[in-house]
Amino acid sequence: FVNHNSYAILAGAALLIGAWRLLRRSVTWRGIALYLAL
């Protein structure tokens, strides 16, 4: 399962880490734009 879905798992982890970093700092338009680009 992990082998077959590794891209989705890693992409989800990257998005969760990005959201956590965005919310941990002050939310700015630049941060939101970078998160949406990611």
All heavy atoms as atom14 arrays in JSON, in Angstrom:
{
  "sequence": "FVNHNSYAILAGAALLIGAWRLLRRSVTWRGIALYLAL",
  "atom14_mask": [
    [1, 1, 1, 1, 1, 1, 1, 1, 1, 1, 1, 0, 0, 0],
    [1, 1, 1, 1, 1, 1, 1, 0, 0, 0, 0, 0, 0, 0],
    [1, 1, 1, 1, 1, 1, 1, 1, 0, 0, 0, 0, 0, 0],
    [1, 1, 1, 1, 1, 1, 1, 1, 1, 1, 0, 0, 0, 0],
    [1, 1, 1, 1, 1, 1, 1, 1, 0, 0, 0, 0, 0, 0],
    [1, 1, 1, 1, 1, 1, 0, 0, 0, 0, 0, 0, 0, 0],
    [1, 1, 1, 1, 1, 1, 1, 1, 1, 1, 1, 1, 0, 0],
    [1, 1, 1, 1, 1, 0, 0, 0, 0, 0, 0, 0, 0, 0],
    [1, 1, 1, 1, 1, 1, 1, 1, 0, 0, 0, 0, 0, 0],
    [1, 1, 1, 1, 1, 1, 1, 1, 0, 0, 0, 0, 0, 0],
    [1, 1, 1, 1, 1, 0, 0, 0, 0, 0, 0, 0, 0, 0],
    [1, 1, 1, 1, 0, 0, 0, 0, 0, 0, 0, 0, 0, 0],
    [1, 1, 1, 1, 1, 0, 0, 0, 0, 0, 0, 0, 0, 0],
    [1, 1, 1, 1, 1, 0, 0, 0, 0, 0, 0, 0, 0, 0],
    [1, 1, 1, 1, 1, 1, 1, 1, 0, 0, 0, 0, 0, 0],
    [1, 1, 1, 1, 1, 1, 1, 1, 0, 0, 0, 0, 0, 0],
    [1, 1, 1, 1, 1, 1, 1, 1, 0, 0, 0, 0, 0, 0],
    [1, 1, 1, 1, 0, 0, 0, 0, 0, 0, 0, 0, 0, 0],
    [1, 1, 1, 1, 1, 0, 0, 0, 0, 0, 0, 0, 0, 0],
    [1, 1, 1, 1, 1, 1, 1, 1, 1, 1, 1, 1, 1, 1],
    [1, 1, 1, 1, 1, 1, 1, 1, 1, 1, 1, 0, 0, 0],
    [1, 1, 1, 1, 1, 1, 1, 1, 0, 0, 0, 0, 0, 0],
    [1, 1, 1, 1, 1, 1, 1, 1, 0, 0, 0, 0, 0, 0],
    [1, 1, 1, 1, 1, 1, 1, 1, 1, 1, 1, 0, 0, 0],
    [1, 1, 1, 1, 1, 1, 1, 1, 1, 1, 1, 0, 0, 0],
    [1, 1, 1, 1, 1, 1, 0, 0, 0, 0, 0, 0, 0, 0],
    [1, 1, 1, 1, 1, 1, 1, 0, 0, 0, 0, 0, 0, 0],
    [1, 1, 1, 1, 1, 1, 1, 0, 0, 0, 0, 0, 0, 0],
    [1, 1, 1, 1, 1, 1, 1, 1, 1, 1, 1, 1, 1, 1],
    [1, 1, 1, 1, 1, 1, 1, 1, 1, 1, 1, 0, 0, 0],
    [1, 1, 1, 1, 0, 0, 0, 0, 0, 0, 0, 0, 0, 0],
    [1, 1, 1, 1, 1, 1, 1, 1, 0, 0, 0, 0, 0, 0],
    [1, 1, 1, 1, 1, 0, 0, 0, 0, 0, 0, 0, 0, 0],
    [1, 1, 1, 1, 1, 1, 1, 1, 0, 0, 0, 0, 0, 0],
    [1, 1, 1, 1, 1, 1, 1, 1, 1, 1, 1, 1, 0, 0],
    [1, 1, 1, 1, 1, 1, 1, 1, 0, 0, 0, 0, 0, 0],
    [1, 1, 1, 1, 1, 0, 0, 0, 0, 0, 0, 0, 0, 0],
    [1, 1, 1, 1, 1, 1, 1, 1, 0, 0, 0, 0, 0, 0]
  ],
  "atom14_positions": [
    [[0.83, -1.21, 0.0], [0.0, 0.0, 0.0], [0.86, 1.26, 0.0], [0.63, 2.18, -0.78], [-0.94, 0.0, 1.21], [-1.78, 1.24, 1.31], [-2.91, 1.38, 0.53], [-1.42, 2.26, 2.16], [-3.68, 2.52, 0.6], [-2.18, 3.42, 2.25], [-3.32, 3.54, 1.47], [0.0, 0.0, 0.0], [0.0, 0.0, 0.0], [0.0, 0.0, 0.0]],
    [[1.87, 1.3, 0.88], [2.77, 2.46, 0.95], [3.56, 2.6, -0.34], [3.73, 3.71, -0.85], [3.7, 2.36, 2.17], [4.78, 3.42, 2.14], [2.89, 2.47, 3.46], [0.0, 0.0, 0.0], [0.0, 0.0, 0.0], [0.0, 0.0, 0.0], [0.0, 0.0, 0.0], [0.0, 0.0, 0.0], [0.0, 0.0, 0.0], [0.0, 0.0, 0.0]],
    [[4.02, 1.49, -0.9], [4.77, 1.53, -2.16], [3.91, 2.08, -3.29], [4.36, 2.9, -4.08], [5.27, 0.13, -2.5], [6.16, 0.13, -3.72], [6.83, 1.11, -4.03], [6.18, -0.99, -4.43], [0.0, 0.0, 0.0], [0.0, 0.0, 0.0], [0.0, 0.0, 0.0], [0.0, 0.0, 0.0], [0.0, 0.0, 0.0], [0.0, 0.0, 0.0]],
    [[2.67, 1.64, -3.36], [1.79, 2.06, -4.44], [1.33, 3.51, -4.28], [1.11, 4.22, -5.27], [0.59, 1.13, -4.51], [-0.29, 1.34, -5.7], [0.03, 2.12, -6.78], [-1.5, 0.84, -6.0], [-0.95, 2.11, -7.65], [-1.89, 1.35, -7.21], [0.0, 0.0, 0.0], [0.0, 0.0, 0.0], [0.0, 0.0, 0.0], [0.0, 0.0, 0.0]],
    [[1.19, 3.98, -3.06], [0.67, 5.32, -2.79], [1.71, 6.26, -2.2], [1.36, 7.24, -1.55], [-0.53, 5.22, -1.85], [-1.65, 4.45, -2.46], [-2.16, 4.8, -3.51], [-2.04, 3.36, -1.81], [0.0, 0.0, 0.0], [0.0, 0.0, 0.0], [0.0, 0.0, 0.0], [0.0, 0.0, 0.0], [0.0, 0.0, 0.0], [0.0, 0.0, 0.0]],
    [[2.98, 6.01, -2.44], [4.04, 6.8, -1.81], [3.99, 8.27, -2.22], [4.22, 9.15, -1.39], [5.41, 6.2, -2.12], [5.65, 6.2, -3.51], [0.0, 0.0, 0.0], [0.0, 0.0, 0.0], [0.0, 0.0, 0.0], [0.0, 0.0, 0.0], [0.0, 0.0, 0.0], [0.0, 0.0, 0.0], [0.0, 0.0, 0.0], [0.0, 0.0, 0.0]],
    [[3.69, 8.55, -3.48], [3.64, 9.96, -3.9], [2.54, 10.7, -3.17], [2.75, 11.81, -2.67], [3.43, 10.08, -5.41], [3.41, 11.52, -5.87], [4.6, 12.18, -6.12], [2.22, 12.23, -6.01], [4.61, 13.51, -6.51], [2.22, 13.56, -6.39], [3.42, 14.19, -6.64], [3.42, 15.51, -7.01], [0.0, 0.0, 0.0], [0.0, 0.0, 0.0]],
    [[1.37, 10.11, -3.08], [0.25, 10.76, -2.4], [0.54, 10.94, -0.92], [0.21, 11.98, -0.33], [-1.03, 9.96, -2.59], [0.0, 0.0, 0.0], [0.0, 0.0, 0.0], [0.0, 0.0, 0.0], [0.0, 0.0, 0.0], [0.0, 0.0, 0.0], [0.0, 0.0, 0.0], [0.0, 0.0, 0.0], [0.0, 0.0, 0.0], [0.0, 0.0, 0.0]],
    [[1.18, 9.96, -0.3], [1.51, 10.06, 1.12], [2.52, 11.18, 1.36], [2.35, 12.01, 2.26], [2.04, 8.7, 1.64], [0.91, 7.67, 1.62], [2.63, 8.84, 3.03], [1.37, 6.24, 1.83], [0.0, 0.0, 0.0], [0.0, 0.0, 0.0], [0.0, 0.0, 0.0], [0.0, 0.0, 0.0], [0.0, 0.0, 0.0], [0.0, 0.0, 0.0]],
    [[3.57, 11.23, 0.54], [4.58, 12.28, 0.7], [4.04, 13.66, 0.35], [4.36, 14.65, 1.01], [5.82, 11.96, -0.14], [6.63, 10.77, 0.35], [7.77, 10.46, -0.61], [7.18, 11.04, 1.74], [0.0, 0.0, 0.0], [0.0, 0.0, 0.0], [0.0, 0.0, 0.0], [0.0, 0.0, 0.0], [0.0, 0.0, 0.0], [0.0, 0.0, 0.0]],
    [[3.2, 13.74, -0.67], [2.6, 15.03, -1.02], [1.68, 15.51, 0.1], [1.69, 16.7, 0.45], [1.82, 14.92, -2.34], [0.0, 0.0, 0.0], [0.0, 0.0, 0.0], [0.0, 0.0, 0.0], [0.0, 0.0, 0.0], [0.0, 0.0, 0.0], [0.0, 0.0, 0.0], [0.0, 0.0, 0.0], [0.0, 0.0, 0.0], [0.0, 0.0, 0.0]],
    [[0.89, 14.61, 0.67], [0.03, 14.97, 1.79], [0.83, 15.43, 2.99], [0.47, 16.41, 3.66], [0.0, 0.0, 0.0], [0.0, 0.0, 0.0], [0.0, 0.0, 0.0], [0.0, 0.0, 0.0], [0.0, 0.0, 0.0], [0.0, 0.0, 0.0], [0.0, 0.0, 0.0], [0.0, 0.0, 0.0], [0.0, 0.0, 0.0], [0.0, 0.0, 0.0]],
    [[1.94, 14.75, 3.27], [2.8, 15.16, 4.38], [3.4, 16.54, 4.13], [3.46, 17.38, 5.04], [3.91, 14.12, 4.59], [0.0, 0.0, 0.0], [0.0, 0.0, 0.0], [0.0, 0.0, 0.0], [0.0, 0.0, 0.0], [0.0, 0.0, 0.0], [0.0, 0.0, 0.0], [0.0, 0.0, 0.0], [0.0, 0.0, 0.0], [0.0, 0.0, 0.0]],
    [[3.84, 16.79, 2.9], [4.4, 18.11, 2.56], [3.35, 19.2, 2.71], [3.64, 20.29, 3.21], [4.96, 18.1, 1.14], [0.0, 0.0, 0.0], [0.0, 0.0, 0.0], [0.0, 0.0, 0.0], [0.0, 0.0, 0.0], [0.0, 0.0, 0.0], [0.0, 0.0, 0.0], [0.0, 0.0, 0.0], [0.0, 0.0, 0.0], [0.0, 0.0, 0.0]],
    [[2.12, 18.92, 2.29], [1.05, 19.91, 2.44], [0.7, 20.14, 3.91], [0.43, 21.28, 4.32], [-0.18, 19.49, 1.65], [-0.03, 19.58, 0.14], [-1.25, 18.99, -0.56], [0.2, 21.01, -0.31], [0.0, 0.0, 0.0], [0.0, 0.0, 0.0], [0.0, 0.0, 0.0], [0.0, 0.0, 0.0], [0.0, 0.0, 0.0], [0.0, 0.0, 0.0]],
    [[0.7, 19.08, 4.7], [0.43, 19.24, 6.14], [1.52, 20.05, 6.83], [1.23, 20.94, 7.64], [0.28, 17.88, 6.81], [-1.02, 17.15, 6.55], [-0.97, 15.75, 7.17], [-2.19, 17.93, 7.12], [0.0, 0.0, 0.0], [0.0, 0.0, 0.0], [0.0, 0.0, 0.0], [0.0, 0.0, 0.0], [0.0, 0.0, 0.0], [0.0, 0.0, 0.0]],
    [[2.77, 19.78, 6.5], [3.88, 20.54, 7.08], [3.81, 21.99, 6.63], [4.02, 22.91, 7.43], [5.23, 19.89, 6.7], [5.37, 18.55, 7.42], [6.4, 20.81, 7.04], [6.53, 17.71, 6.94], [0.0, 0.0, 0.0], [0.0, 0.0, 0.0], [0.0, 0.0, 0.0], [0.0, 0.0, 0.0], [0.0, 0.0, 0.0], [0.0, 0.0, 0.0]],
    [[3.5, 22.22, 5.35], [3.36, 23.59, 4.86], [2.24, 24.33, 5.55], [2.37, 25.51, 5.92], [0.0, 0.0, 0.0], [0.0, 0.0, 0.0], [0.0, 0.0, 0.0], [0.0, 0.0, 0.0], [0.0, 0.0, 0.0], [0.0, 0.0, 0.0], [0.0, 0.0, 0.0], [0.0, 0.0, 0.0], [0.0, 0.0, 0.0], [0.0, 0.0, 0.0]],
    [[1.1, 23.68, 5.76], [-0.02, 24.31, 6.45], [0.33, 24.59, 7.9], [0.0, 25.66, 8.43], [-1.26, 23.41, 6.37], [0.0, 0.0, 0.0], [0.0, 0.0, 0.0], [0.0, 0.0, 0.0], [0.0, 0.0, 0.0], [0.0, 0.0, 0.0], [0.0, 0.0, 0.0], [0.0, 0.0, 0.0], [0.0, 0.0, 0.0], [0.0, 0.0, 0.0]],
    [[1.02, 23.67, 8.53], [1.42, 23.87, 9.92], [2.36, 25.07, 10.04], [2.2, 25.9, 10.92], [2.09, 22.6, 10.45], [2.62, 22.74, 11.84], [1.9, 22.81, 12.99], [3.99, 22.84, 12.23], [2.73, 22.94, 14.06], [4.03, 22.95, 13.62], [5.19, 22.82, 11.52], [5.22, 23.08, 14.31], [6.36, 22.94, 12.21], [6.37, 23.06, 13.6]],
    [[3.34, 25.16, 9.13], [4.28, 26.3, 9.17], [3.56, 27.6, 8.87], [3.87, 28.63, 9.44], [5.41, 26.08, 8.17], [6.39, 25.01, 8.64], [7.56, 24.93, 7.71], [8.2, 26.23, 7.57], [9.43, 26.51, 7.98], [10.15, 25.57, 8.52], [9.94, 27.71, 7.81], [0.0, 0.0, 0.0], [0.0, 0.0, 0.0], [0.0, 0.0, 0.0]],
    [[2.61, 27.57, 7.95], [1.85, 28.77, 7.61], [1.03, 29.25, 8.79], [1.0, 30.44, 9.11], [0.95, 28.5, 6.41], [0.08, 29.66, 5.92], [0.95, 30.78, 5.37], [-0.89, 29.19, 4.86], [0.0, 0.0, 0.0], [0.0, 0.0, 0.0], [0.0, 0.0, 0.0], [0.0, 0.0, 0.0], [0.0, 0.0, 0.0], [0.0, 0.0, 0.0]],
    [[0.37, 28.33, 9.47], [-0.48, 28.7, 10.6], [0.33, 29.03, 11.86], [-0.14, 29.79, 12.71], [-1.48, 27.59, 10.9], [-2.51, 27.35, 9.8], [-3.37, 26.14, 10.13], [-3.36, 28.58, 9.57], [0.0, 0.0, 0.0], [0.0, 0.0, 0.0], [0.0, 0.0, 0.0], [0.0, 0.0, 0.0], [0.0, 0.0, 0.0], [0.0, 0.0, 0.0]],
    [[1.52, 28.47, 11.97], [2.37, 28.73, 13.13], [2.91, 30.15, 13.1], [3.05, 30.79, 14.14], [3.52, 27.73, 13.14], [4.29, 27.72, 14.4], [5.16, 26.47, 14.47], [5.99, 26.55, 15.64], [7.31, 26.68, 15.6], [7.94, 26.69, 14.45], [8.01, 26.75, 16.7], [0.0, 0.0, 0.0], [0.0, 0.0, 0.0], [0.0, 0.0, 0.0]],
    [[3.2, 30.63, 11.92], [3.65, 32.02, 11.76], [2.43, 32.87, 11.49], [1.31, 32.39, 11.4], [4.62, 32.12, 10.58], [5.86, 31.29, 10.76], [6.71, 31.39, 9.53], [7.92, 30.59, 9.7], [8.85, 30.5, 8.81], [8.75, 31.14, 7.67], [9.91, 29.75, 9.02], [0.0, 0.0, 0.0], [0.0, 0.0, 0.0], [0.0, 0.0, 0.0]],
    [[2.65, 34.15, 11.33], [1.52, 35.01, 10.98], [1.11, 34.73, 9.53], [1.95, 34.62, 8.65], [1.89, 36.48, 11.15], [2.96, 36.82, 10.29], [0.0, 0.0, 0.0], [0.0, 0.0, 0.0], [0.0, 0.0, 0.0], [0.0, 0.0, 0.0], [0.0, 0.0, 0.0], [0.0, 0.0, 0.0], [0.0, 0.0, 0.0], [0.0, 0.0, 0.0]],
    [[-0.17, 34.6, 9.31], [-0.68, 34.29, 7.98], [-0.63, 35.56, 7.14], [-1.2, 36.59, 7.5], [-2.13, 33.76, 8.07], [-2.68, 33.5, 6.69], [-2.17, 32.5, 8.91], [0.0, 0.0, 0.0], [0.0, 0.0, 0.0], [0.0, 0.0, 0.0], [0.0, 0.0, 0.0], [0.0, 0.0, 0.0], [0.0, 0.0, 0.0], [0.0, 0.0, 0.0]],
    [[0.09, 35.48, 6.02], [0.2, 36.61, 5.1], [-0.24, 36.17, 3.72], [-0.34, 34.97, 3.43], [1.66, 37.12, 5.02], [2.48, 36.07, 4.5], [2.18, 37.53, 6.39], [0.0, 0.0, 0.0], [0.0, 0.0, 0.0], [0.0, 0.0, 0.0], [0.0, 0.0, 0.0], [0.0, 0.0, 0.0], [0.0, 0.0, 0.0], [0.0, 0.0, 0.0]],
    [[-0.5, 37.14, 2.86], [-0.88, 36.81, 1.48], [0.25, 36.09, 0.76], [0.01, 35.2, -0.05], [-1.28, 38.06, 0.71], [-2.6, 38.6, 1.15], [-2.84, 39.74, 1.86], [-3.88, 37.99, 0.95], [-4.18, 39.88, 2.1], [-4.84, 38.82, 1.55], [-4.3, 36.83, 0.32], [-6.19, 38.52, 1.53], [-5.64, 36.53, 0.3], [-6.57, 37.38, 0.9]],
    [[1.48, 36.48, 1.07], [2.63, 35.82, 0.45], [2.7, 34.35, 0.88], [2.95, 33.46, 0.07], [3.91, 36.54, 0.83], [5.14, 35.93, 0.22], [6.39, 36.76, 0.56], [7.55, 36.15, -0.01], [8.52, 35.58, 0.69], [8.47, 35.59, 2.0], [9.54, 35.05, 0.08], [0.0, 0.0, 0.0], [0.0, 0.0, 0.0], [0.0, 0.0, 0.0]],
    [[2.49, 34.09, 2.15], [2.5, 32.71, 2.65], [1.39, 31.87, 2.04], [1.6, 30.7, 1.69], [0.0, 0.0, 0.0], [0.0, 0.0, 0.0], [0.0, 0.0, 0.0], [0.0, 0.0, 0.0], [0.0, 0.0, 0.0], [0.0, 0.0, 0.0], [0.0, 0.0, 0.0], [0.0, 0.0, 0.0], [0.0, 0.0, 0.0], [0.0, 0.0, 0.0]],
    [[0.22, 32.47, 1.91], [-0.9, 31.76, 1.29], [-0.59, 31.46, -0.17], [-0.86, 30.36, -0.66], [-2.21, 32.57, 1.44], [-2.61, 32.63, 2.91], [-3.32, 31.97, 0.59], [-3.75, 33.58, 3.2], [0.0, 0.0, 0.0], [0.0, 0.0, 0.0], [0.0, 0.0, 0.0], [0.0, 0.0, 0.0], [0.0, 0.0, 0.0], [0.0, 0.0, 0.0]],
    [[-0.01, 32.43, -0.87], [0.33, 32.23, -2.29], [1.38, 31.12, -2.43], [1.28, 30.28, -3.33], [0.84, 33.53, -2.89], [0.0, 0.0, 0.0], [0.0, 0.0, 0.0], [0.0, 0.0, 0.0], [0.0, 0.0, 0.0], [0.0, 0.0, 0.0], [0.0, 0.0, 0.0], [0.0, 0.0, 0.0], [0.0, 0.0, 0.0], [0.0, 0.0, 0.0]],
    [[2.37, 31.11, -1.55], [3.4, 30.06, -1.61], [2.8, 28.69, -1.31], [3.16, 27.69, -1.94], [4.54, 30.37, -0.64], [5.45, 31.53, -1.05], [6.42, 31.86, 0.07], [6.2, 31.18, -2.31], [0.0, 0.0, 0.0], [0.0, 0.0, 0.0], [0.0, 0.0, 0.0], [0.0, 0.0, 0.0], [0.0, 0.0, 0.0], [0.0, 0.0, 0.0]],
    [[1.88, 28.64, -0.36], [1.23, 27.37, -0.03], [0.38, 26.87, -1.2], [0.41, 25.69, -1.54], [0.38, 27.51, 1.22], [-0.28, 26.23, 1.64], [0.47, 25.23, 2.26], [-1.62, 25.98, 1.4], [-0.11, 24.03, 2.63], [-2.21, 24.8, 1.77], [-1.45, 23.81, 2.39], [-2.04, 22.63, 2.74], [0.0, 0.0, 0.0], [0.0, 0.0, 0.0]],
    [[-0.34, 27.77, -1.85], [-1.16, 27.39, -3.0], [-0.28, 26.94, -4.17], [-0.63, 26.01, -4.9], [-2.07, 28.53, -3.42], [-3.2, 28.86, -2.43], [-3.96, 30.09, -2.9], [-4.11, 27.67, -2.25], [0.0, 0.0, 0.0], [0.0, 0.0, 0.0], [0.0, 0.0, 0.0], [0.0, 0.0, 0.0], [0.0, 0.0, 0.0], [0.0, 0.0, 0.0]],
    [[0.88, 27.58, -4.34], [1.81, 27.16, -5.38], [2.35, 25.76, -5.09], [2.45, 24.92, -5.99], [2.96, 28.15, -5.51], [0.0, 0.0, 0.0], [0.0, 0.0, 0.0], [0.0, 0.0, 0.0], [0.0, 0.0, 0.0], [0.0, 0.0, 0.0], [0.0, 0.0, 0.0], [0.0, 0.0, 0.0], [0.0, 0.0, 0.0], [0.0, 0.0, 0.0]],
    [[2.68, 25.5, -3.81], [3.13, 24.16, -3.42], [2.03, 23.12, -3.69], [2.3, 22.05, -4.23], [3.51, 24.13, -1.94], [3.86, 22.77, -1.35], [5.13, 22.21, -1.99], [3.99, 22.86, 0.16], [0.0, 0.0, 0.0], [0.0, 0.0, 0.0], [0.0, 0.0, 0.0], [0.0, 0.0, 0.0], [0.0, 0.0, 0.0], [0.0, 0.0, 0.0]]
  ]
}
